[in-house]
Amino acid sequence: MIDAARARVYAAEHQVRRLFDSAETHGVRTVHTFGSSLTLPVERRFASVESVQTYVDAVLGLSWVRADYPGAATPVAVRARRGRGKAHYEPLPPTIAVPLHDGDGAWALRELVVLHEIAHHLAADDVGHGARFVGCFTALVSEIVGPEAGLVLRGALHEAGAIG
C-alpha cells in the first residue's frame, strides 16, 4: 500500500523538531511562526529504552487517551533498533523500535518522535500517515507537550500539505 502522506508528515515533523532544537540550542524559546509569537514548551528527552517504555506506558494510561483511543488498552513494548535511520512502529506484537545513541547523538530519543510512534499504535486502523493518524498525533502533541507545540505542528502539517 502506498502511503501518500508519509513524506508530507515527515517534512512537517522535521520542521517542528528543528524549531525545538533551535530553542534548546540557543536558549530562546519564543518563536515567531505561522503568524503567531509563542513560547515553546520543553520537549522531553529520554536516556534509555527503559525511560521511553515508562513514558509510553504513562501516555497509554492517561484517562483521556483511553477514552478517545480504544487501542490504548493494548500495551506497547519498546525496544532498541539497530542503525540510526528511523524509529518505527510494529503492529504485531505492538512494539516501538527506537535507535539509541550514536556519534550524532540520540535524535530519536525525544518526545515528538515517541508520540509519532504512539499515534501509529492508537490509529492502527489508519495504515500509514492518513487523517486518523494525523489527528491522533496532533492531539497527543497538543495535550501532552503543550498547545503551543500543537499549534506549531498543525501549522507545519498544513504548510506541508498533510492537512487541509
Protein backbone atom coordinates (compact mmCIF):
# COMPACT_ATOMS: atom_id res chain seq x y z
CA MET A 1 0.00 0.00 0.00
CA ILE A 2 1.28 3.47 -0.90
CA ASP A 3 1.45 5.96 1.95
CA ALA A 4 0.93 9.19 0.02
CA ALA A 5 1.02 11.45 3.10
CA ARG A 6 4.21 9.99 4.60
CA ALA A 7 6.70 12.45 3.09
CA ARG A 8 4.48 15.44 3.94
CA VAL A 9 4.06 14.33 7.57
CA TYR A 10 7.80 13.71 7.94
CA ALA A 11 8.63 17.10 6.42
CA ALA A 12 6.31 18.83 8.87
CA GLU A 13 7.63 16.88 11.83
CA HIS A 14 11.24 17.65 10.88
CA GLN A 15 10.38 21.35 10.67
CA VAL A 16 8.89 21.25 14.19
CA ARG A 17 11.84 19.31 15.58
CA ARG A 18 14.23 21.90 14.10
CA LEU A 19 12.31 24.65 15.90
CA PHE A 20 12.58 22.75 19.19
CA ASP A 21 16.27 22.02 18.59
CA SER A 22 16.97 25.68 17.89
CA ALA A 23 15.10 26.77 21.02
CA GLU A 24 17.11 24.29 23.07
CA THR A 25 20.46 25.16 21.49
CA HIS A 26 20.07 28.93 21.71
CA GLY A 27 18.04 29.09 24.91
CA VAL A 28 15.40 31.22 23.21
CA ARG A 29 12.02 29.55 23.46
CA THR A 30 9.96 32.38 21.92
CA VAL A 31 9.40 31.79 18.22
CA HIS A 32 7.51 33.64 15.52
CA THR A 33 5.86 31.11 13.26
CA PHE A 34 2.69 30.81 11.19
CA GLY A 35 1.63 34.34 12.13
CA SER A 36 1.95 33.81 15.88
CA SER A 37 4.50 34.56 18.56
CA LEU A 38 4.63 31.85 21.15
CA THR A 39 6.86 30.25 23.72
CA LEU A 40 7.72 26.64 23.00
CA PRO A 41 7.38 24.25 25.91
CA VAL A 42 10.29 21.99 26.82
CA GLU A 43 10.31 18.75 24.86
CA ARG A 44 11.19 15.71 26.95
CA ARG A 45 14.30 13.73 26.02
CA PHE A 46 14.99 10.14 27.01
CA ALA A 47 18.15 8.41 28.15
CA SER A 48 17.27 4.76 27.52
CA VAL A 49 14.80 2.26 26.18
CA GLU A 50 13.51 1.88 29.74
CA SER A 51 12.74 5.58 30.06
CA VAL A 52 10.90 5.53 26.71
CA GLN A 53 8.93 2.48 27.93
CA THR A 54 7.93 4.30 31.12
CA TYR A 55 6.77 7.29 29.06
CA VAL A 56 4.80 5.13 26.58
CA ASP A 57 3.08 3.32 29.46
CA ALA A 58 2.18 6.65 31.08
CA VAL A 59 0.73 8.10 27.85
CA LEU A 60 -1.33 4.97 27.17
CA GLY A 61 -2.59 5.13 30.77
CA LEU A 62 -3.94 8.69 30.54
CA SER A 63 -7.70 8.68 31.06
CA TRP A 64 -8.44 10.88 28.03
CA VAL A 65 -6.23 8.73 25.79
CA ARG A 66 -8.02 5.57 26.96
CA ALA A 67 -11.41 7.23 26.40
CA ASP A 68 -10.60 8.51 22.90
CA TYR A 69 -8.49 5.60 21.62
CA PRO A 70 -9.54 2.02 22.46
CA GLY A 71 -6.10 0.77 21.33
CA ALA A 72 -4.58 2.42 24.41
CA ALA A 73 -5.68 -0.62 26.43
CA THR A 74 -3.22 -2.77 24.45
CA PRO A 75 0.31 -2.47 25.85
CA VAL A 76 3.20 -1.46 23.59
CA ALA A 77 6.74 -2.75 24.09
CA VAL A 78 9.73 -0.52 23.37
CA ARG A 79 12.97 -1.93 22.02
CA ALA A 80 16.25 -0.64 20.68
CA ARG A 81 16.55 -0.54 16.90
CA ARG A 82 19.78 -1.25 15.10
CA GLY A 83 21.04 1.50 12.87
CA ARG A 84 20.13 5.13 13.23
CA GLY A 85 17.87 5.68 10.23
CA LYS A 86 14.44 5.90 11.81
CA ALA A 87 12.18 4.91 14.64
CA HIS A 88 9.20 2.75 13.72
CA TYR A 89 6.07 1.04 14.98
CA GLU A 90 5.44 -2.69 14.55
CA PRO A 91 1.78 -3.72 14.99
CA LEU A 92 2.31 -7.42 15.78
CA PRO A 93 3.14 -7.56 18.57
CA PRO A 94 2.72 -3.84 19.28
CA THR A 95 6.29 -2.51 19.50
CA ILE A 96 8.05 0.82 19.13
CA ALA A 97 11.65 0.49 17.95
CA VAL A 98 13.97 3.44 18.55
CA PRO A 99 17.59 3.89 17.54
CA LEU A 100 19.78 4.71 20.51
CA HIS A 101 22.85 6.89 20.90
CA ASP A 102 25.39 7.13 18.10
CA GLY A 103 28.08 9.56 17.03
CA ASP A 104 25.46 12.18 16.11
CA GLY A 105 23.52 11.93 19.37
CA ALA A 106 20.19 10.32 20.12
CA TRP A 107 17.85 12.04 17.67
CA ALA A 108 15.01 9.55 18.18
CA LEU A 109 15.04 9.60 21.99
CA ARG A 110 12.73 12.60 22.11
CA GLU A 111 9.09 13.22 22.86
CA LEU A 112 7.93 14.21 19.36
CA VAL A 113 9.33 11.03 17.82
CA VAL A 114 7.88 8.79 20.53
CA LEU A 115 4.45 10.46 20.27
CA HIS A 116 4.57 9.92 16.48
CA GLU A 117 5.06 6.18 17.07
CA ILE A 118 2.37 6.05 19.77
CA ALA A 119 -0.02 7.68 17.28
CA HIS A 120 0.62 4.78 14.89
CA HIS A 121 -0.46 2.39 17.64
CA LEU A 122 -3.57 4.39 18.59
CA ALA A 123 -4.61 4.93 14.96
CA ALA A 124 -3.76 1.36 13.90
CA ASP A 125 -6.85 1.19 11.67
CA ASP A 126 -5.33 4.02 9.58
CA VAL A 127 -2.45 2.38 7.76
CA GLY A 128 0.36 4.85 7.26
CA HIS A 129 0.04 8.57 7.85
CA GLY A 130 -3.59 9.26 6.99
CA ALA A 131 -6.14 11.57 8.56
CA ARG A 132 -6.77 9.45 11.68
CA PHE A 133 -3.04 9.18 12.36
CA VAL A 134 -2.52 12.93 11.86
CA GLY A 135 -5.46 13.75 14.12
CA CYS A 136 -4.15 11.44 16.82
CA PHE A 137 -0.58 12.76 16.53
CA THR A 138 -1.66 16.40 16.76
CA ALA A 139 -3.96 15.64 19.72
CA LEU A 140 -1.12 13.89 21.59
CA VAL A 141 1.32 16.71 20.92
CA SER A 142 -1.22 19.42 21.85
CA GLU A 143 -2.34 17.77 25.07
CA ILE A 144 0.96 16.31 26.27
CA VAL A 145 3.75 18.59 25.00
CA GLY A 146 1.51 21.66 25.06
CA PRO A 147 -0.92 23.71 22.98
CA GLU A 148 1.93 25.82 21.55
CA ALA A 149 3.60 22.69 20.22
CA GLY A 150 0.27 21.55 18.81
CA LEU A 151 -0.19 24.87 17.01
CA VAL A 152 3.29 24.68 15.51
CA LEU A 153 2.71 21.07 14.41
CA ARG A 154 -0.69 21.83 12.85
CA GLY A 155 0.81 24.82 11.01
CA ALA A 156 3.70 22.73 9.70
CA LEU A 157 1.34 19.93 8.64
CA HIS A 158 -0.86 22.45 6.82
CA GLU A 159 2.14 24.10 5.13
CA ALA A 160 3.44 20.66 4.04
CA GLY A 161 0.03 19.73 2.59
CA ALA A 162 -0.63 16.93 5.08
CA ILE A 163 -3.84 18.56 6.34
CA GLY A 164 -6.29 20.97 4.76
